[in-house]
Amino acid sequence: MSNNNLVKIEEVSKYFGKTKVLNNINFKIPEKAVLGILGPNGSGKSTLMRIIAGLIRSWEGNIYFDGKPINQDSTYLH
């Protein structure tokens, strides 16, 4: 992937019903980086991790792993 980013999150949003639980999340994780996601209860940390892990399959925005969109190729989990 260009710029040595292993993961790239772009404008990710998620609704449960009419409730928006993630609102346009953006960040990049460089290769060999250690990342912590901090926030209060109910801020969407677990929801974002469940999306990245493939446990939630519908969301708005784009997530790339090693330059490939994860919603088109689930092999990044293997």
N, C-alpha and C. Protein backbone atom coordinates (compact mmCIF):
# COMPACT_ATOMS: atom_id res chain seq x y z
N MET A 1 0.85 -1.18 0.00
CA MET A 1 0.00 0.00 0.00
C MET A 1 0.89 1.23 0.00
N SER A 2 0.48 2.26 -0.68
CA SER A 2 1.27 3.48 -0.72
C SER A 2 1.29 4.15 0.64
N ASN A 3 2.34 4.88 0.90
CA ASN A 3 2.54 5.62 2.15
C ASN A 3 2.70 4.72 3.36
N ASN A 4 2.93 3.42 3.18
CA ASN A 4 3.16 2.47 4.27
C ASN A 4 2.02 2.41 5.28
N ASN A 5 0.78 2.66 4.84
CA ASN A 5 -0.38 2.51 5.72
C ASN A 5 -0.95 1.11 5.55
N LEU A 6 -1.05 0.39 6.64
CA LEU A 6 -1.60 -0.95 6.60
C LEU A 6 -3.13 -0.91 6.56
N VAL A 7 -3.71 0.00 7.35
CA VAL A 7 -5.16 0.15 7.41
C VAL A 7 -5.49 1.62 7.17
N LYS A 8 -6.53 1.85 6.38
CA LYS A 8 -7.01 3.21 6.14
C LYS A 8 -8.53 3.21 6.30
N ILE A 9 -9.02 4.05 7.19
CA ILE A 9 -10.45 4.20 7.46
C ILE A 9 -10.88 5.54 6.88
N GLU A 10 -11.88 5.54 6.01
CA GLU A 10 -12.34 6.76 5.36
C GLU A 10 -13.83 6.95 5.53
N GLU A 11 -14.23 8.01 6.20
CA GLU A 11 -15.63 8.43 6.30
C GLU A 11 -16.57 7.28 6.71
N VAL A 12 -16.16 6.48 7.67
CA VAL A 12 -16.96 5.34 8.10
C VAL A 12 -18.06 5.79 9.05
N SER A 13 -19.27 5.43 8.70
CA SER A 13 -20.45 5.70 9.53
C SER A 13 -21.24 4.41 9.65
N LYS A 14 -21.97 4.28 10.74
CA LYS A 14 -22.80 3.10 10.96
C LYS A 14 -24.06 3.51 11.69
N TYR A 15 -25.17 3.00 11.22
CA TYR A 15 -26.47 3.21 11.86
C TYR A 15 -26.97 1.88 12.40
N PHE A 16 -27.62 1.92 13.55
CA PHE A 16 -28.44 0.82 14.03
C PHE A 16 -29.84 1.39 14.07
N GLY A 17 -30.65 1.01 13.10
CA GLY A 17 -31.96 1.65 12.94
C GLY A 17 -31.76 3.10 12.52
N LYS A 18 -32.35 4.02 13.24
CA LYS A 18 -32.19 5.44 12.95
C LYS A 18 -31.09 6.08 13.79
N THR A 19 -30.44 5.28 14.64
CA THR A 19 -29.40 5.81 15.52
C THR A 19 -28.04 5.70 14.85
N LYS A 20 -27.36 6.83 14.67
CA LYS A 20 -26.03 6.84 14.08
C LYS A 20 -25.02 6.61 15.19
N VAL A 21 -24.30 5.48 15.12
CA VAL A 21 -23.36 5.13 16.18
C VAL A 21 -21.91 5.42 15.81
N LEU A 22 -21.61 5.54 14.53
CA LEU A 22 -20.31 6.01 14.05
C LEU A 22 -20.57 7.13 13.07
N ASN A 23 -19.82 8.22 13.20
CA ASN A 23 -20.08 9.41 12.39
C ASN A 23 -18.81 9.85 11.67
N ASN A 24 -18.66 9.40 10.43
CA ASN A 24 -17.56 9.84 9.56
C ASN A 24 -16.18 9.67 10.20
N ILE A 25 -15.85 8.45 10.59
CA ILE A 25 -14.56 8.14 11.21
C ILE A 25 -13.48 8.08 10.13
N ASN A 26 -12.34 8.74 10.40
CA ASN A 26 -11.20 8.75 9.48
C ASN A 26 -9.92 8.58 10.27
N PHE A 27 -9.08 7.63 9.86
CA PHE A 27 -7.71 7.54 10.38
C PHE A 27 -6.93 6.51 9.58
N LYS A 28 -5.63 6.54 9.73
CA LYS A 28 -4.73 5.60 9.06
C LYS A 28 -3.88 4.91 10.12
N ILE A 29 -3.56 3.65 9.88
CA ILE A 29 -2.67 2.91 10.76
C ILE A 29 -1.45 2.50 9.94
N PRO A 30 -0.29 3.09 10.21
CA PRO A 30 0.91 2.73 9.46
C PRO A 30 1.36 1.30 9.79
N GLU A 31 2.12 0.71 8.89
CA GLU A 31 2.71 -0.60 9.15
C GLU A 31 3.55 -0.52 10.41
N LYS A 32 3.57 -1.59 11.17
CA LYS A 32 4.37 -1.75 12.40
C LYS A 32 3.95 -0.79 13.51
N ALA A 33 2.76 -0.21 13.42
CA ALA A 33 2.28 0.71 14.45
C ALA A 33 1.49 -0.03 15.52
N VAL A 34 1.45 0.54 16.68
CA VAL A 34 0.59 0.07 17.76
C VAL A 34 -0.47 1.14 17.95
N LEU A 35 -1.73 0.73 17.99
CA LEU A 35 -2.84 1.68 18.05
C LEU A 35 -3.73 1.36 19.23
N GLY A 36 -4.14 2.38 19.94
CA GLY A 36 -5.15 2.25 20.98
C GLY A 36 -6.33 3.12 20.61
N ILE A 37 -7.53 2.61 20.79
CA ILE A 37 -8.74 3.40 20.53
C ILE A 37 -9.38 3.68 21.87
N LEU A 38 -9.45 4.95 22.22
CA LEU A 38 -9.96 5.38 23.51
C LEU A 38 -11.25 6.16 23.34
N GLY A 39 -12.11 6.07 24.32
CA GLY A 39 -13.35 6.84 24.32
C GLY A 39 -14.27 6.32 25.40
N PRO A 40 -15.27 7.12 25.72
CA PRO A 40 -16.22 6.71 26.76
C PRO A 40 -17.11 5.57 26.30
N ASN A 41 -17.80 4.95 27.23
CA ASN A 41 -18.77 3.90 26.90
C ASN A 41 -19.77 4.46 25.89
N GLY A 42 -20.09 3.64 24.90
CA GLY A 42 -21.08 4.03 23.91
C GLY A 42 -20.55 4.92 22.79
N SER A 43 -19.24 5.07 22.70
CA SER A 43 -18.70 5.97 21.67
C SER A 43 -18.43 5.27 20.33
N GLY A 44 -18.62 3.96 20.24
CA GLY A 44 -18.49 3.26 18.97
C GLY A 44 -17.21 2.46 18.78
N LYS A 45 -16.39 2.35 19.82
CA LYS A 45 -15.12 1.62 19.71
C LYS A 45 -15.35 0.16 19.30
N SER A 46 -16.21 -0.51 20.00
CA SER A 46 -16.48 -1.93 19.71
C SER A 46 -17.14 -2.09 18.35
N THR A 47 -18.02 -1.20 17.99
CA THR A 47 -18.67 -1.27 16.68
C THR A 47 -17.63 -1.15 15.58
N LEU A 48 -16.71 -0.21 15.69
CA LEU A 48 -15.66 -0.07 14.69
C LEU A 48 -14.80 -1.33 14.61
N MET A 49 -14.43 -1.88 15.75
CA MET A 49 -13.61 -3.09 15.75
C MET A 49 -14.37 -4.27 15.15
N ARG A 50 -15.66 -4.35 15.40
CA ARG A 50 -16.48 -5.43 14.82
C ARG A 50 -16.58 -5.28 13.29
N ILE A 51 -16.62 -4.05 12.80
CA ILE A 51 -16.62 -3.82 11.36
C ILE A 51 -15.29 -4.28 10.77
N ILE A 52 -14.19 -3.86 11.37
CA ILE A 52 -12.86 -4.23 10.87
C ILE A 52 -12.67 -5.74 10.91
N ALA A 53 -13.20 -6.40 11.92
CA ALA A 53 -13.07 -7.85 12.07
C ALA A 53 -14.01 -8.64 11.16
N GLY A 54 -14.90 -7.94 10.45
CA GLY A 54 -15.82 -8.62 9.55
C GLY A 54 -17.07 -9.15 10.22
N LEU A 55 -17.30 -8.79 11.48
CA LEU A 55 -18.49 -9.25 12.19
C LEU A 55 -19.71 -8.40 11.87
N ILE A 56 -19.50 -7.18 11.43
CA ILE A 56 -20.56 -6.31 10.93
C ILE A 56 -20.24 -6.07 9.46
N ARG A 57 -21.18 -6.38 8.59
CA ARG A 57 -20.89 -6.36 7.16
C ARG A 57 -21.47 -5.17 6.41
N SER A 58 -22.26 -4.33 7.05
CA SER A 58 -22.81 -3.17 6.34
C SER A 58 -22.48 -1.89 7.11
N TRP A 59 -21.94 -0.93 6.38
CA TRP A 59 -21.60 0.38 6.92
C TRP A 59 -21.40 1.32 5.75
N GLU A 60 -21.32 2.59 6.05
CA GLU A 60 -21.02 3.58 5.02
C GLU A 60 -19.54 3.94 5.10
N GLY A 61 -18.94 4.30 3.99
CA GLY A 61 -17.54 4.68 3.95
C GLY A 61 -16.68 3.57 3.42
N ASN A 62 -15.37 3.71 3.59
CA ASN A 62 -14.41 2.76 3.05
C ASN A 62 -13.38 2.38 4.11
N ILE A 63 -13.01 1.11 4.09
CA ILE A 63 -11.92 0.62 4.92
C ILE A 63 -11.02 -0.20 4.02
N TYR A 64 -9.73 0.12 4.06
CA TYR A 64 -8.75 -0.57 3.24
C TYR A 64 -7.74 -1.28 4.13
N PHE A 65 -7.42 -2.50 3.77
CA PHE A 65 -6.35 -3.24 4.42
C PHE A 65 -5.32 -3.56 3.36
N ASP A 66 -4.13 -3.08 3.54
CA ASP A 66 -3.04 -3.27 2.58
C ASP A 66 -3.45 -2.82 1.19
N GLY A 67 -4.20 -1.72 1.13
CA GLY A 67 -4.60 -1.12 -0.13
C GLY A 67 -5.84 -1.69 -0.77
N LYS A 68 -6.43 -2.74 -0.19
CA LYS A 68 -7.60 -3.38 -0.77
C LYS A 68 -8.82 -3.11 0.10
N PRO A 69 -9.97 -2.78 -0.50
CA PRO A 69 -11.18 -2.55 0.29
C PRO A 69 -11.65 -3.83 0.96
N ILE A 70 -11.90 -3.77 2.27
CA ILE A 70 -12.27 -5.00 3.00
C ILE A 70 -13.68 -5.46 2.67
N ASN A 71 -14.54 -4.57 2.19
CA ASN A 71 -15.90 -5.00 1.89
C ASN A 71 -15.96 -5.78 0.57
N GLN A 72 -14.87 -5.82 -0.18
CA GLN A 72 -14.84 -6.59 -1.42
C GLN A 72 -13.99 -7.85 -1.31
N ASP A 73 -13.19 -7.96 -0.25
CA ASP A 73 -12.28 -9.10 -0.12
C ASP A 73 -12.08 -9.41 1.36
N SER A 74 -12.67 -10.49 1.82
CA SER A 74 -12.56 -10.84 3.24
C SER A 74 -11.31 -11.67 3.53
N THR A 75 -10.44 -11.90 2.56
CA THR A 75 -9.27 -12.74 2.79
C THR A 75 -8.24 -12.07 3.71
N TYR A 76 -8.38 -10.77 3.96
CA TYR A 76 -7.44 -10.10 4.88
C TYR A 76 -7.57 -10.66 6.29
N LEU A 77 -8.67 -11.32 6.60
CA LEU A 77 -8.87 -11.90 7.93
C LEU A 77 -8.14 -13.23 8.10
N HIS A 78 -7.66 -13.83 7.04
CA HIS A 78 -7.05 -15.16 7.11
C HIS A 78 -5.56 -15.07 7.32
